[in-house]
C-alpha atoms as a PDB file:
ATOM      1  CA  UNK A   1      72.166  95.253 104.231  1.00  0.00           C
ATOM      2  CA  UNK A   2      68.768  93.562 103.861  1.00  0.00           C
ATOM      3  CA  UNK A   3      70.292  90.243 104.923  1.00  0.00           C
ATOM      4  CA  UNK A   4      71.351  91.664 108.288  1.00  0.00           C
ATOM      5  CA  UNK A   5      68.017  90.980 109.975  1.00  0.00           C
ATOM      6  CA  UNK A   6      67.380  89.383 113.348  1.00  0.00           C
ATOM      7  CA  UNK A   7      64.392  87.773 115.003  1.00  0.00           C
ATOM      8  CA  UNK A   8      65.830  87.927 118.522  1.00  0.00           C
ATOM      9  CA  UNK A   9      66.433  91.622 119.197  1.00  0.00           C
ATOM     10  CA  UNK A  10      64.148  91.814 122.243  1.00  0.00           C
ATOM     11  CA  UNK A  11      67.144  91.873 124.568  1.00  0.00           C
ATOM     12  CA  UNK A  12      68.466  95.080 123.006  1.00  0.00           C
ATOM     13  CA  UNK A  13      67.133  98.606 123.378  1.00  0.00           C
ATOM     14  CA  UNK A  14      68.182 101.997 122.035  1.00  0.00           C
ATOM     15  CA  UNK A  15      70.761 103.362 124.452  1.00  0.00           C
ATOM     16  CA  UNK A  16      72.006  99.942 125.546  1.00  0.00           C
ATOM     17  CA  UNK A  17      75.815  99.719 125.726  1.00  0.00           C
ATOM     18  CA  UNK A  18      76.994  96.398 124.284  1.00  0.00           C
ATOM     19  CA  UNK A  19      80.156  94.385 123.678  1.00  0.00           C
ATOM     20  CA  UNK A  20      80.613  92.699 120.322  1.00  0.00           C
ATOM     21  CA  UNK A  21      83.037  91.184 117.841  1.00  0.00           C
ATOM     22  CA  UNK A  22      83.757  92.601 114.379  1.00  0.00           C
ATOM     23  CA  UNK A  23      83.177  89.844 111.803  1.00  0.00           C
ATOM     24  CA  UNK A  24      82.851  91.722 108.511  1.00  0.00           C
ATOM     25  CA  UNK A  25      84.133  95.056 107.188  1.00  0.00           C
ATOM     26  CA  UNK A  26      83.202  97.160 104.154  1.00  0.00           C
ATOM     27  CA  UNK A  27      83.967 100.771 103.300  1.00  0.00           C
ATOM     28  CA  UNK A  28      80.544 101.937 104.461  1.00  0.00           C
ATOM     29  CA  UNK A  29      79.834  99.671 107.417  1.00  0.00           C
ATOM     30  CA  UNK A  30      80.997  96.753 109.540  1.00  0.00           C
ATOM     31  CA  UNK A  31      79.134  93.814 111.052  1.00  0.00           C
ATOM     32  CA  UNK A  32      79.405  93.289 114.785  1.00  0.00           C
ATOM     33  CA  UNK A  33      78.086  90.178 116.525  1.00  0.00           C
ATOM     34  CA  UNK A  34      76.556  90.965 119.906  1.00  0.00           C
ATOM     35  CA  UNK A  35      75.827  87.633 121.560  1.00  0.00           C
ATOM     36  CA  UNK A  36      74.186  85.991 118.524  1.00  0.00           C
ATOM     37  CA  UNK A  37      72.745  89.200 117.054  1.00  0.00           C
ATOM     38  CA  UNK A  38      74.165  90.683 113.854  1.00  0.00           C
ATOM     39  CA  UNK A  39      74.491  94.434 114.257  1.00  0.00           C
ATOM     40  CA  UNK A  40      75.471  97.136 111.770  1.00  0.00           C
ATOM     41  CA  UNK A  41      78.176  99.639 112.655  1.00  0.00           C
ATOM     42  CA  UNK A  42      78.240 102.397 109.982  1.00  0.00           C
ATOM     43  CA  UNK A  43      81.682 103.832 109.276  1.00  0.00           C
ATOM     44  CA  UNK A  44      80.203 107.273 109.891  1.00  0.00           C
ATOM     45  CA  UNK A  45      79.427 106.188 113.479  1.00  0.00           C
ATOM     46  CA  UNK A  46      82.975 105.116 114.366  1.00  0.00           C
ATOM     47  CA  UNK A  47      84.544 108.488 115.104  1.00  0.00           C
ATOM     48  CA  UNK A  48      83.555 112.146 115.285  1.00  0.00           C
ATOM     49  CA  UNK A  49      86.710 113.224 113.486  1.00  0.00           C
ATOM     50  CA  UNK A  50      86.476 111.412 110.150  1.00  0.00           C
ATOM     51  CA  UNK A  51      83.204 110.038 108.768  1.00  0.00           C
ATOM     52  CA  UNK A  52      84.967 108.074 106.040  1.00  0.00           C
ATOM     53  CA  UNK A  53      87.652 106.361 108.103  1.00  0.00           C
ATOM     54  CA  UNK A  54      87.159 102.808 109.286  1.00  0.00           C
ATOM     55  CA  UNK A  55      89.085 102.369 112.526  1.00  0.00           C
ATOM     56  CA  UNK A  56      88.101  98.809 113.441  1.00  0.00           C
ATOM     57  CA  UNK A  57      89.736  95.569 112.356  1.00  0.00           C
ATOM     58  CA  UNK A  58      88.515  92.034 111.867  1.00  0.00           C
ATOM     59  CA  UNK A  59      87.931  90.143 115.133  1.00  0.00           C
ATOM     60  CA  UNK A  60      88.218  93.335 117.220  1.00  0.00           C
ATOM     61  CA  UNK A  61      86.213  93.207 120.430  1.00  0.00           C
ATOM     62  CA  UNK A  62      84.505  96.573 120.674  1.00  0.00           C
ATOM     63  CA  UNK A  63      82.146  98.499 122.891  1.00  0.00           C
ATOM     64  CA  UNK A  64      79.292 100.411 121.258  1.00  0.00           C
ATOM     65  CA  UNK A  65      75.859 101.814 121.959  1.00  0.00           C
ATOM     66  CA  UNK A  66      72.607 100.813 120.244  1.00  0.00           C
ATOM     67  CA  UNK A  67      71.273 103.862 118.379  1.00  0.00           C
ATOM     68  CA  UNK A  68      68.512 102.341 116.252  1.00  0.00           C
ATOM     69  CA  UNK A  69      66.402  99.182 116.043  1.00  0.00           C
ATOM     70  CA  UNK A  70      64.119  98.871 113.070  1.00  0.00           C
ATOM     71  CA  UNK A  71      62.537  95.884 111.314  1.00  0.00           C
ATOM     72  CA  UNK A  72      64.948  93.438 112.925  1.00  0.00           C
ATOM     73  CA  UNK A  73      68.053  95.501 112.096  1.00  0.00           C
ATOM     74  CA  UNK A  74      70.227  96.880 114.876  1.00  0.00           C
ATOM     75  CA  UNK A  75      72.472  99.890 114.331  1.00  0.00           C
ATOM     76  CA  UNK A  76      75.430 100.640 116.610  1.00  0.00           C
ATOM     77  CA  UNK A  77      77.657 103.641 117.242  1.00  0.00           C
ATOM     78  CA  UNK A  78      81.066 103.937 118.846  1.00  0.00           C
ATOM     79  CA  UNK A  79      81.383 107.710 118.648  1.00  0.00           C
ATOM     80  CA  UNK A  80      78.167 108.302 120.622  1.00  0.00           C
ATOM     81  CA  UNK A  81      79.745 106.729 123.673  1.00  0.00           C
ATOM     82  CA  UNK A  82      81.490 110.109 123.959  1.00  0.00           C
ATOM     83  CA  UNK A  83      80.258 113.690 123.702  1.00  0.00           C
ATOM     84  CA  UNK A  84      80.364 115.351 120.310  1.00  0.00           C
ATOM     85  CA  UNK A  85      83.502 117.555 120.432  1.00  0.00           C
ATOM     86  CA  UNK A  86      81.736 120.131 118.237  1.00  0.00           C
ATOM     87  CA  UNK A  87      79.138 120.752 120.957  1.00  0.00           C
ATOM     88  CA  UNK A  88      79.800 123.993 122.874  1.00  0.00           C
ATOM     89  CA  UNK A  89      82.871 124.582 120.730  1.00  0.00           C
ATOM     90  CA  UNK A  90      82.824 128.353 121.312  1.00  0.00           C
ATOM     91  CA  UNK A  91      83.086 127.763 125.038  1.00  0.00           C
ATOM     92  CA  UNK A  92      86.461 126.041 124.568  1.00  0.00           C
ATOM     93  CA  UNK A  93      87.988 127.828 121.594  1.00  0.00           C
ATOM     94  CA  UNK A  94      87.962 131.271 119.999  1.00  0.00           C
ATOM     95  CA  UNK A  95      89.668 133.037 117.097  1.00  0.00           C
ATOM     96  CA  UNK A  96      93.174 134.037 118.122  1.00  0.00           C
ATOM     97  CA  UNK A  97      93.716 131.078 120.446  1.00  0.00           C
ATOM     98  CA  UNK A  98      97.213 129.638 120.124  1.00  0.00           C
ATOM     99  CA  UNK A  99      97.659 125.949 120.824  1.00  0.00           C
ATOM    100  CA  UNK A 100      99.662 122.860 119.996  1.00  0.00           C
ATOM    101  CA  UNK A 101      98.150 120.565 117.370  1.00  0.00           C
ATOM    102  CA  UNK A 102      99.149 117.269 115.791  1.00  0.00           C
ATOM    103  CA  UNK A 103      99.259 116.655 112.019  1.00  0.00           C
ATOM    104  CA  UNK A 104      96.934 113.742 111.179  1.00  0.00           C
ATOM    105  CA  UNK A 105      96.595 114.063 107.396  1.00  0.00           C
ATOM    106  CA  UNK A 106      98.307 115.920 104.553  1.00  0.00           C
ATOM    107  CA  UNK A 107      96.615 116.708 101.225  1.00  0.00           C
ATOM    108  CA  UNK A 108      97.188 119.012  98.272  1.00  0.00           C
ATOM    109  CA  UNK A 109      95.298 121.818 100.030  1.00  0.00           C
ATOM    110  CA  UNK A 110      97.180 121.673 103.308  1.00  0.00           C
ATOM    111  CA  UNK A 111      97.542 119.838 106.608  1.00  0.00           C
ATOM    112  CA  UNK A 112      94.690 118.536 108.747  1.00  0.00           C
ATOM    113  CA  UNK A 113      95.473 118.716 112.439  1.00  0.00           C
ATOM    114  CA  UNK A 114      93.845 117.392 115.592  1.00  0.00           C
ATOM    115  CA  UNK A 115      93.047 119.888 118.340  1.00  0.00           C
ATOM    116  CA  UNK A 116      91.615 117.210 120.639  1.00  0.00           C
ATOM    117  CA  UNK A 117      90.298 113.684 120.083  1.00  0.00           C
ATOM    118  CA  UNK A 118      87.605 113.877 117.410  1.00  0.00           C
ATOM    119  CA  UNK A 119      88.162 117.561 116.607  1.00  0.00           C
ATOM    120  CA  UNK A 120      90.130 118.461 113.500  1.00  0.00           C
ATOM    121  CA  UNK A 121      91.032 121.659 111.723  1.00  0.00           C
ATOM    122  CA  UNK A 122      92.805 122.645 108.517  1.00  0.00           C
ATOM    123  CA  UNK A 123      96.029 124.563 108.081  1.00  0.00           C
ATOM    124  CA  UNK A 124      95.698 125.638 104.452  1.00  0.00           C
ATOM    125  CA  UNK A 125      98.936 125.522 102.512  1.00  0.00           C
ATOM    126  CA  UNK A 126      98.902 129.320 102.291  1.00  0.00           C
ATOM    127  CA  UNK A 127      99.144 129.333 106.079  1.00  0.00           C
ATOM    128  CA  UNK A 128     102.192 127.031 106.181  1.00  0.00           C
ATOM    129  CA  UNK A 129     104.713 129.539 104.833  1.00  0.00           C
ATOM    130  CA  UNK A 130     105.037 133.174 103.784  1.00  0.00           C
ATOM    131  CA  UNK A 131     106.356 131.828 100.480  1.00  0.00           C
ATOM    132  CA  UNK A 132     104.803 129.550  97.899  1.00  0.00           C
ATOM    133  CA  UNK A 133     103.807 126.048  99.001  1.00  0.00           C
ATOM    134  CA  UNK A 134     103.617 123.632  96.101  1.00  0.00           C
ATOM    135  CA  UNK A 135     103.623 120.432  98.176  1.00  0.00           C
ATOM    136  CA  UNK A 136     102.580 120.662 101.857  1.00  0.00           C
ATOM    137  CA  UNK A 137     104.630 117.521 102.517  1.00  0.00           C
ATOM    138  CA  UNK A 138     107.744 119.676 102.103  1.00  0.00           C
ATOM    139  CA  UNK A 139     106.723 121.716 105.145  1.00  0.00           C
ATOM    140  CA  UNK A 140     105.043 119.326 107.583  1.00  0.00           C
ATOM    141  CA  UNK A 141     104.980 115.590 108.292  1.00  0.00           C
ATOM    142  CA  UNK A 142     102.439 113.162 109.739  1.00  0.00           C
ATOM    143  CA  UNK A 143     102.520 113.068 113.529  1.00  0.00           C
ATOM    144  CA  UNK A 144     104.372 116.359 113.783  1.00  0.00           C
ATOM    145  CA  UNK A 145     103.359 118.692 116.614  1.00  0.00           C
ATOM    146  CA  UNK A 146     102.874 122.309 115.553  1.00  0.00           C
ATOM    147  CA  UNK A 147     102.205 125.620 117.254  1.00  0.00           C
ATOM    148  CA  UNK A 148      99.152 127.089 115.497  1.00  0.00           C
ATOM    149  CA  UNK A 149      96.665 129.915 115.837  1.00  0.00           C
ATOM    150  CA  UNK A 150      92.928 129.671 115.153  1.00  0.00           C
ATOM    151  CA  UNK A 151      91.999 132.113 112.378  1.00  0.00           C
ATOM    152  CA  UNK A 152      88.472 130.887 111.570  1.00  0.00           C
ATOM    153  CA  UNK A 153      85.840 129.085 113.635  1.00  0.00           C
ATOM    154  CA  UNK A 154      82.535 128.023 112.055  1.00  0.00           C
ATOM    155  CA  UNK A 155      80.536 125.678 114.261  1.00  0.00           C
ATOM    156  CA  UNK A 156      77.618 125.462 111.812  1.00  0.00           C
ATOM    157  CA  UNK A 157      79.861 124.206 109.005  1.00  0.00           C
ATOM    158  CA  UNK A 158      82.051 122.327 111.472  1.00  0.00           C
ATOM    159  CA  UNK A 159      85.126 124.047 110.138  1.00  0.00           C
ATOM    160  CA  UNK A 160      88.221 125.271 111.952  1.00  0.00           C
ATOM    161  CA  UNK A 161      91.037 127.023 110.108  1.00  0.00           C
ATOM    162  CA  UNK A 162      94.452 127.557 111.624  1.00  0.00           C
ATOM    163  CA  UNK A 163      97.773 129.161 110.732  1.00  0.00           C
ATOM    164  CA  UNK A 164     101.385 128.689 111.766  1.00  0.00           C
ATOM    165  CA  UNK A 165     102.458 132.021 110.254  1.00  0.00           C
ATOM    166  CA  UNK A 166     102.314 133.889 113.601  1.00  0.00           C
ATOM    167  CA  UNK A 167     105.115 131.611 114.815  1.00  0.00           C
ATOM    168  CA  UNK A 168     107.371 132.143 111.792  1.00  0.00           C
ATOM    169  CA  UNK A 169     109.749 134.979 110.988  1.00  0.00           C
ATOM    170  CA  UNK A 170     108.188 137.056 108.215  1.00  0.00           C
ATOM    171  CA  UNK A 171     110.930 137.793 105.650  1.00  0.00           C
ATOM    172  CA  UNK A 172     108.758 140.474 104.040  1.00  0.00           C
ATOM    173  CA  UNK A 173     109.095 142.678 107.131  1.00  0.00           C
ATOM    174  CA  UNK A 174     112.685 143.517 106.221  1.00  0.00           C
ATOM    175  CA  UNK A 175     112.629 142.865 102.496  1.00  0.00           C
ATOM    176  CA  UNK A 176     113.483 146.438 101.466  1.00  0.00           C
ATOM    177  CA  UNK A 177     116.406 146.462 103.888  1.00  0.00           C
ATOM    178  CA  UNK A 178     117.856 143.214 102.562  1.00  0.00           C
ATOM    179  CA  UNK A 179     117.128 143.590  98.842  1.00  0.00           C
ATOM    180  CA  UNK A 180     117.108 146.457  96.342  1.00  0.00           C
ATOM    181  CA  UNK A 181     115.978 146.889  92.747  1.00  0.00           C
ATOM    182  CA  UNK A 182     118.895 146.218  90.437  1.00  0.00           C
ATOM    183  CA  UNK A 183     120.478 143.670  92.765  1.00  0.00           C
ATOM    184  CA  UNK A 184     121.735 140.566  90.954  1.00  0.00           C
ATOM    185  CA  UNK A 185     121.303 137.213  92.666  1.00  0.00           C
ATOM    186  CA  UNK A 186     121.756 133.543  91.856  1.00  0.00           C
ATOM    187  CA  UNK A 187     118.908 131.467  93.213  1.00  0.00           C
ATOM    188  CA  UNK A 188     117.181 128.126  92.563  1.00  0.00           C
ATOM    189  CA  UNK A 189     113.815 127.597  90.910  1.00  0.00           C
ATOM    190  CA  UNK A 190     111.151 126.595  93.427  1.00  0.00           C
ATOM    191  CA  UNK A 191     107.923 126.496  91.373  1.00  0.00           C
ATOM    192  CA  UNK A 192     107.245 126.393  87.628  1.00  0.00           C
ATOM    193  CA  UNK A 193     104.051 127.882  86.166  1.00  0.00           C
ATOM    194  CA  UNK A 194     102.891 128.473  82.584  1.00  0.00           C
ATOM    195  CA  UNK A 195     103.478 132.212  83.005  1.00  0.00           C
ATOM    196  CA  UNK A 196     106.970 131.942  84.494  1.00  0.00           C
ATOM    197  CA  UNK A 197     109.048 130.517  87.303  1.00  0.00           C
ATOM    198  CA  UNK A 198     109.419 131.417  90.966  1.00  0.00           C
ATOM    199  CA  UNK A 199     112.843 131.463  92.568  1.00  0.00           C
ATOM    200  CA  UNK A 200     113.371 131.278  96.313  1.00  0.00           C
ATOM    201  CA  UNK A 201     115.496 134.115  97.657  1.00  0.00           C
ATOM    202  CA  UNK A 202     115.266 132.770 101.205  1.00  0.00           C
ATOM    203  CA  UNK A 203     112.739 130.629 103.118  1.00  0.00           C
ATOM    204  CA  UNK A 204     109.341 132.309 102.797  1.00  0.00           C
ATOM    205  CA  UNK A 205     110.476 134.815 100.182  1.00  0.00           C
ATOM    206  CA  UNK A 206     109.883 134.030  96.504  1.00  0.00           C
ATOM    207  CA  UNK A 207     110.175 136.169  93.375  1.00  0.00           C
ATOM    208  CA  UNK A 208     108.616 135.769  89.934  1.00  0.00           C
ATOM    209  CA  UNK A 209     110.675 135.582  86.763  1.00  0.00           C
ATOM    210  CA  UNK A 210     107.875 136.175  84.249  1.00  0.00           C
ATOM    211  CA  UNK A 211     108.063 134.576  80.821  1.00  0.00           C
ATOM    212  CA  UNK A 212     107.714 138.047  79.257  1.00  0.00           C
ATOM    213  CA  UNK A 213     111.190 138.756  80.659  1.00  0.00           C
ATOM    214  CA  UNK A 214     112.589 135.675  78.952  1.00  0.00           C
ATOM    215  CA  UNK A 215     113.687 135.275  75.378  1.00  0.00           C
ATOM    216  CA  UNK A 216     111.324 132.388  74.621  1.00  0.00           C
ATOM    217  CA  UNK A 217     108.830 131.743  71.840  1.00  0.00           C
ATOM    218  CA  UNK A 218     105.061 131.657  72.393  1.00  0.00           C
ATOM    219  CA  UNK A 219     104.839 127.911  71.889  1.00  0.00           C
ATOM    220  CA  UNK A 220     107.480 127.083  74.466  1.00  0.00           C
ATOM    221  CA  UNK A 221     106.397 125.600  77.785  1.00  0.00           C
ATOM    222  CA  UNK A 222     108.173 126.573  80.968  1.00  0.00           C
ATOM    223  CA  UNK A 223     108.496 122.932  82.045  1.00  0.00           C
ATOM    224  CA  UNK A 224     110.341 122.178  78.803  1.00  0.00           C
ATOM    225  CA  UNK A 225     112.839 124.946  79.502  1.00  0.00           C
ATOM    226  CA  UNK A 226     113.437 124.710  83.234  1.00  0.00           C
ATOM    227  CA  UNK A 227     113.440 122.216  86.084  1.00  0.00           C
ATOM    228  CA  UNK A 228     112.772 122.757  89.769  1.00  0.00           C
ATOM    229  CA  UNK A 229     116.155 123.203  91.406  1.00  0.00           C
ATOM    230  CA  UNK A 230     117.813 124.873  88.405  1.00  0.00           C
ATOM    231  CA  UNK A 231     119.994 127.848  89.384  1.00  0.00           C
ATOM    232  CA  UNK A 232     119.327 131.174  87.672  1.00  0.00           C
ATOM    233  CA  UNK A 233     121.229 134.449  87.867  1.00  0.00           C
ATOM    234  CA  UNK A 234     118.638 137.241  87.792  1.00  0.00           C
ATOM    235  CA  UNK A 235     118.164 140.915  88.567  1.00  0.00           C
ATOM    236  CA  UNK A 236     115.515 142.281  90.924  1.00  0.00           C
ATOM    237  CA  UNK A 237     113.183 144.494  88.893  1.00  0.00           C
ATOM    238  CA  UNK A 238     110.379 145.208  91.393  1.00  0.00           C
ATOM    239  CA  UNK A 239     109.778 144.976  95.134  1.00  0.00           C
ATOM    240  CA  UNK A 240     106.274 145.452  96.563  1.00  0.00           C
ATOM    241  CA  UNK A 241     106.583 144.721 100.284  1.00  0.00           C
ATOM    242  CA  UNK A 242     102.982 145.726 101.057  1.00  0.00           C
ATOM    243  CA  UNK A 243     101.508 143.163  98.649  1.00  0.00           C
ATOM    244  CA  UNK A 244     104.338 140.663  99.143  1.00  0.00           C
ATOM    245  CA  UNK A 245     105.399 140.608  95.507  1.00  0.00           C
ATOM    246  CA  UNK A 246     108.823 140.636  93.937  1.00  0.00           C
ATOM    247  CA  UNK A 247     109.766 140.393  90.268  1.00  0.00           C
ATOM    248  CA  UNK A 248     113.016 139.394  88.561  1.00  0.00           C
ATOM    249  CA  UNK A 249     114.376 139.891  85.070  1.00  0.00           C
ATOM    250  CA  UNK A 250     117.320 138.861  82.955  1.00  0.00           C
ATOM    251  CA  UNK A 251     120.289 140.970  84.163  1.00  0.00           C
ATOM    252  CA  UNK A 252     120.804 144.151  82.187  1.00  0.00           C
ATOM    253  CA  UNK A 253     123.816 144.209  79.917  1.00  0.00           C
ATOM    254  CA  UNK A 254     126.365 146.861  80.814  1.00  0.00           C
END
């Protein structure tokens, strides 16, 4: 950015609110022309919610505030036109609060949701269902509004964790009433692991069919033997409601 230097910055001061036009965009920063002055708008200064997201477009007319002037280079910020939503966070939120949130991003680890403009939290995939979650996209979608509960609040690390489990029916509460050891069921494979496959008995309730219960050789891979969605007829061999574990085996021969 050494070429973004100006000789005529006397009209600008730190704290001055300016209007400018976006003329150049990179991943790390954008160039904004204020009058005839080239100014730098770092991507990290565009929004409080996501330091890596560029939310301006070419030729946008924007409002920003001057945050730094040094050696002829002017740095702008959009996000500092508003208060930092992380300031005084504990005065607005606490663990146990239940609120409506909007899904703004979905990754392998879970769903990122917006509590208010500029303030995001994570619903880890383990908090999306009482059962296994292989792909969070199977449980939530972008833009979806969810009821969620705050389960962790760390202002120093700027981290908020939430869960939707309090709003779901927990199938483990009545598992011993609905299922018994020795019961034979036909269910579909939900997740395949090296050590076995998980079948879904009902939403939120999965059971493990361990490879030790199968008649397979040591060199065989589960993914070569089974596919997600395959139906298996199995027998319940263990129910541990307290630890939310259930095991299946090949049905016993009579």
